[in-house]
Amino acid sequence: MKLLKFYESVNKEEIEDLLLDFKDQGYEKIECDIYEGVVTISGLIRENVNKVDFLKDVIELNNRVILLGYTSLNEHFHVYTGTENRGPRCSFMLKFKDQDVNPNKDVKSFEEFKTYLEKHLNLQFYEFDSEVFIPDLDSFLKGRGREEDVIIKLDVDREQNKFIIIFEKGELDDIHSSIDISDVVMTDDEWAAANLWSIPNSDRERFLEPELQKRSKSKVFSFDKRGIEAVEKCIEAVRRQS
């Protein structure tokens, strides 16, 4: 038996009615968050339910919202069916984009920058907001990205109001993409030039070379529009790998 009953046809005004249906069927939490045209719908139920019917409902909800004119951002469904504290737990999260709404990249703070990356780029911050991975580390923890040749990481320094982009795994030659990201991702030598404290005094001279220092400094980003566009460029390069 299905958990939810959907109308034959729905419009934007009826989204809330769909979410109310979830609540009526025993959902502890059902929320819809809207941020600059990005719609995030999440739900949690702690009752014993048929897992197949639960997944069917999530898929049908996804399809119904698409029919309303939103673009699905759900390359992989974020769904959990299992137990928590010895009790049943089923949860989901779906994300959509209203193409008529243009995102505002003119962020002015780390908090705004973080929100943009989480809402629009579907990235997640780790280690007290100091790390972000492309592809997202969450995919690796779930076993979907273990064979990837390249992992790009944002190394965030909130105190200095800056971040850099480095390779956690792989290097530029491993990116087989039509998009060149050599102007935004630091090489090992450029990282060393930006972090001379980590280099023994006997080896520092070659990292003080003016051209190397210039390249290194050009790849230090702030939490602003330029920083967002650098992250977007990396994401697109990873997605377009041949």
Protein backbone atom coordinates (compact mmCIF):
# COMPACT_ATOMS: atom_id res chain seq x y z
CA MET A 1 0.00 0.00 0.00
CA LYS A 2 1.39 3.40 -0.98
CA LEU A 3 2.24 5.82 1.81
CA LEU A 4 1.04 8.82 -0.20
CA LYS A 5 -1.82 9.62 -2.52
CA PHE A 6 -0.93 12.09 -5.27
CA TYR A 7 -3.32 14.21 -7.27
CA GLU A 8 -3.58 13.46 -10.98
CA SER A 9 -2.40 16.98 -11.74
CA VAL A 10 -0.70 19.51 -9.50
CA ASN A 11 0.51 23.08 -9.74
CA LYS A 12 2.97 25.11 -7.69
CA GLU A 13 0.31 26.06 -5.16
CA GLU A 14 -0.29 22.39 -4.41
CA ILE A 15 3.28 21.55 -3.36
CA GLU A 16 2.39 22.29 0.24
CA ASP A 17 -0.58 19.92 -0.04
CA LEU A 18 1.78 17.16 -1.13
CA LEU A 19 3.99 17.79 1.89
CA LEU A 20 0.96 17.77 4.16
CA ASP A 21 0.19 14.30 2.82
CA PHE A 22 3.56 13.18 4.19
CA LYS A 23 2.74 14.61 7.60
CA ASP A 24 -0.63 12.89 7.58
CA GLN A 25 1.09 9.56 6.97
CA GLY A 26 3.23 9.80 10.10
CA TYR A 27 6.28 11.77 9.05
CA GLU A 28 8.07 13.26 12.04
CA LYS A 29 9.64 15.92 9.83
CA ILE A 30 8.76 17.20 6.39
CA GLU A 31 10.37 20.46 5.32
CA CYS A 32 10.67 22.57 2.21
CA ASP A 33 13.50 25.13 2.07
CA ILE A 34 13.78 27.68 -0.74
CA TYR A 35 16.97 29.63 -1.37
CA GLU A 36 17.45 31.72 -4.52
CA GLY A 37 15.46 29.33 -6.67
CA VAL A 38 16.87 26.14 -5.11
CA VAL A 39 14.15 24.03 -3.51
CA THR A 40 15.19 21.41 -0.93
CA ILE A 41 12.56 18.97 0.33
CA SER A 42 13.48 16.62 3.18
CA GLY A 43 11.48 14.14 5.21
CA LEU A 44 11.91 11.76 8.15
CA ILE A 45 9.66 8.97 9.40
CA ARG A 46 10.38 6.65 12.34
CA GLU A 47 7.60 4.12 11.79
CA ASN A 48 7.78 0.68 10.23
CA VAL A 49 6.98 1.21 6.57
CA ASN A 50 7.36 -0.83 3.42
CA LYS A 51 10.75 0.27 2.05
CA VAL A 52 9.77 -0.34 -1.56
CA ASP A 53 6.66 1.82 -1.22
CA PHE A 54 8.72 4.47 0.58
CA LEU A 55 11.19 4.63 -2.33
CA LYS A 56 8.36 4.69 -4.85
CA ASP A 57 6.83 7.67 -3.05
CA VAL A 58 10.15 9.56 -3.06
CA ILE A 59 10.57 8.90 -6.80
CA GLU A 60 7.01 9.96 -7.53
CA LEU A 61 7.39 13.12 -5.47
CA ASN A 62 10.56 13.89 -7.43
CA ASN A 63 8.73 13.39 -10.74
CA ARG A 64 5.75 15.48 -9.65
CA VAL A 65 7.92 18.46 -8.72
CA ILE A 66 9.68 18.17 -12.09
CA LEU A 67 6.26 18.36 -13.77
CA LEU A 68 5.74 21.68 -12.02
CA GLY A 69 8.62 23.11 -14.04
CA TYR A 70 11.56 22.66 -11.68
CA THR A 71 14.84 21.05 -12.77
CA SER A 72 15.87 18.08 -10.66
CA LEU A 73 19.31 18.25 -9.04
CA ASN A 74 19.01 14.66 -7.85
CA GLU A 75 21.67 12.78 -9.76
CA HIS A 76 21.63 10.43 -6.79
CA PHE A 77 18.69 10.24 -4.40
CA HIS A 78 19.68 10.98 -0.80
CA VAL A 79 17.61 8.23 0.83
CA TYR A 80 18.17 6.23 4.01
CA THR A 81 16.14 3.20 5.09
CA GLY A 82 17.34 1.44 8.21
CA THR A 83 17.43 1.76 11.97
CA GLU A 84 18.50 4.35 14.52
CA ASN A 85 18.68 3.74 18.28
CA ARG A 86 17.15 0.30 17.66
CA GLY A 87 14.11 1.84 16.01
CA PRO A 88 13.11 2.22 12.35
CA ARG A 89 14.19 5.28 10.40
CA CYS A 90 13.50 6.31 6.81
CA SER A 91 14.59 9.70 5.48
CA PHE A 92 15.09 11.46 2.17
CA MET A 93 16.26 14.75 0.66
CA LEU A 94 15.39 16.04 -2.81
CA LYS A 95 16.72 19.19 -4.48
CA PHE A 96 15.35 21.17 -7.41
CA LYS A 97 16.18 24.36 -9.29
CA ASP A 98 13.85 27.05 -10.57
CA GLN A 99 15.56 28.07 -13.82
CA ASP A 100 13.74 31.40 -13.80
CA VAL A 101 15.72 32.50 -10.72
CA ASN A 102 19.34 33.55 -11.19
CA PRO A 103 21.65 32.86 -8.22
CA ASN A 104 23.40 35.80 -6.62
CA LYS A 105 27.17 35.22 -6.60
CA ASP A 106 27.98 38.57 -5.00
CA VAL A 107 28.61 37.08 -1.57
CA LYS A 108 30.43 39.13 1.05
CA SER A 109 31.21 36.70 3.88
CA PHE A 110 32.18 33.11 4.61
CA GLU A 111 28.65 32.33 5.77
CA GLU A 112 27.17 33.52 2.46
CA PHE A 113 29.89 31.68 0.52
CA LYS A 114 29.21 28.45 2.42
CA THR A 115 25.47 28.74 1.87
CA TYR A 116 25.97 29.26 -1.86
CA LEU A 117 28.20 26.17 -2.17
CA GLU A 118 25.80 24.03 -0.16
CA LYS A 119 22.57 25.20 -1.80
CA HIS A 120 23.61 25.80 -5.42
CA LEU A 121 26.59 23.49 -5.89
CA ASN A 122 25.48 20.69 -3.56
CA LEU A 123 28.83 20.58 -1.75
CA GLN A 124 29.39 19.83 1.92
CA PHE A 125 31.84 21.30 4.43
CA TYR A 126 33.89 19.04 6.73
CA GLU A 127 36.33 19.34 9.62
CA PHE A 128 34.81 22.43 11.23
CA ASP A 129 34.18 24.09 7.85
CA SER A 130 37.83 23.80 6.80
CA GLU A 131 37.48 21.31 3.92
CA VAL A 132 35.27 20.83 0.87
CA PHE A 133 35.76 18.03 -1.65
CA ILE A 134 34.99 17.82 -5.39
CA PRO A 135 33.45 15.29 -5.93
CA ASP A 136 31.78 15.61 -2.56
CA LEU A 137 33.33 13.40 0.14
CA ASP A 138 29.85 12.14 1.02
CA SER A 139 29.85 10.23 -2.28
CA PHE A 140 33.13 8.56 -1.39
CA LEU A 141 31.92 7.56 2.06
CA LYS A 142 28.92 5.89 0.41
CA GLY A 143 31.20 3.95 -1.92
CA ARG A 144 30.31 5.70 -5.15
CA GLY A 145 33.63 7.37 -5.83
CA ARG A 146 36.37 5.11 -4.58
CA GLU A 147 37.78 4.51 -8.05
CA GLU A 148 38.01 8.19 -8.97
CA ASP A 149 41.45 9.24 -10.21
CA VAL A 150 41.06 12.81 -8.99
CA ILE A 151 39.81 14.44 -5.81
CA ILE A 152 39.96 18.23 -5.65
CA LYS A 153 39.83 19.90 -2.24
CA LEU A 154 39.09 23.40 -1.01
CA ASP A 155 41.42 24.18 1.87
CA VAL A 156 39.60 26.90 3.83
CA ASP A 157 41.20 29.39 6.21
CA ARG A 158 38.38 31.38 7.81
CA GLU A 159 40.70 33.43 10.02
CA GLN A 160 42.57 34.74 6.96
CA ASN A 161 39.34 35.06 4.94
CA LYS A 162 40.72 32.93 2.11
CA PHE A 163 40.87 29.48 0.57
CA ILE A 164 42.96 27.59 -1.94
CA ILE A 165 42.14 24.69 -4.26
CA ILE A 166 44.49 21.71 -4.27
CA PHE A 167 44.56 18.07 -5.32
CA GLU A 168 43.75 15.66 -2.52
CA LYS A 169 44.34 12.85 -5.02
CA GLY A 170 45.82 13.01 -8.52
CA GLU A 171 47.19 16.00 -10.42
CA LEU A 172 46.42 18.23 -13.39
CA ASP A 173 47.50 15.60 -15.92
CA ASP A 174 44.79 13.30 -14.53
CA ILE A 175 42.02 15.75 -15.50
CA HIS A 176 40.88 14.70 -18.97
CA SER A 177 38.49 17.55 -19.59
CA SER A 178 37.86 20.29 -22.14
CA ILE A 179 38.00 22.79 -19.27
CA ASP A 180 41.46 23.92 -18.16
CA ILE A 181 41.68 24.46 -14.40
CA SER A 182 45.43 25.05 -14.23
CA ASP A 183 44.71 28.72 -13.44
CA VAL A 184 42.76 27.94 -10.25
CA VAL A 185 44.20 24.71 -8.76
CA MET A 186 47.57 24.91 -7.01
CA THR A 187 50.42 22.58 -7.88
CA ASP A 188 52.62 21.20 -5.11
CA ASP A 189 55.30 23.82 -5.84
CA GLU A 190 52.76 26.65 -5.77
CA TRP A 191 51.39 25.39 -2.46
CA ALA A 192 54.92 25.32 -1.06
CA ALA A 193 55.51 28.89 -2.31
CA ALA A 194 52.40 29.99 -0.42
CA ASN A 195 53.40 28.09 2.72
CA LEU A 196 57.10 28.77 3.16
CA TRP A 197 56.83 27.96 6.85
CA SER A 198 56.60 24.29 5.85
CA ILE A 199 59.82 24.38 3.81
CA PRO A 200 63.29 23.88 5.38
CA ASN A 201 65.46 27.01 5.20
CA SER A 202 67.93 25.22 2.96
CA ASP A 203 65.22 24.65 0.30
CA ARG A 204 63.32 27.94 0.42
CA GLU A 205 65.27 29.83 -2.22
CA ARG A 206 63.72 28.06 -5.21
CA PHE A 207 60.21 28.67 -3.86
CA LEU A 208 60.93 32.41 -3.65
CA GLU A 209 61.32 32.62 -7.44
CA PRO A 210 59.20 35.66 -8.49
CA GLU A 211 57.17 33.93 -11.21
CA LEU A 212 56.33 31.01 -8.93
CA GLN A 213 55.30 33.41 -6.16
CA LYS A 214 53.12 35.33 -8.64
CA ARG A 215 51.32 32.17 -9.80
CA SER A 216 50.84 31.03 -6.23
CA LYS A 217 49.33 34.32 -5.08
CA SER A 218 46.94 34.38 -8.06
CA LYS A 219 45.42 31.12 -6.81
CA VAL A 220 44.49 32.38 -3.37
CA PHE A 221 40.76 33.12 -3.30
CA SER A 222 38.45 35.07 -1.03
CA PHE A 223 34.85 34.24 -0.13
CA ASP A 224 33.42 36.25 -3.03
CA LYS A 225 32.19 35.96 -6.63
CA ARG A 226 35.68 35.16 -7.98
CA GLY A 227 36.03 32.38 -5.43
CA ILE A 228 32.63 30.90 -6.32
CA GLU A 229 33.45 30.93 -10.04
CA ALA A 230 36.75 29.12 -9.37
CA VAL A 231 34.87 26.37 -7.53
CA GLU A 232 32.26 26.16 -10.29
CA LYS A 233 35.01 25.80 -12.88
CA CYS A 234 36.47 22.82 -11.02
CA ILE A 235 33.09 21.15 -10.70
CA GLU A 236 32.41 21.57 -14.40
CA ALA A 237 35.86 20.23 -15.31
CA VAL A 238 35.28 17.08 -13.24
CA ARG A 239 31.83 16.57 -14.75
CA ARG A 240 33.10 16.94 -18.31
CA GLN A 241 35.90 14.43 -18.07
CA SER A 242 36.13 12.15 -21.10
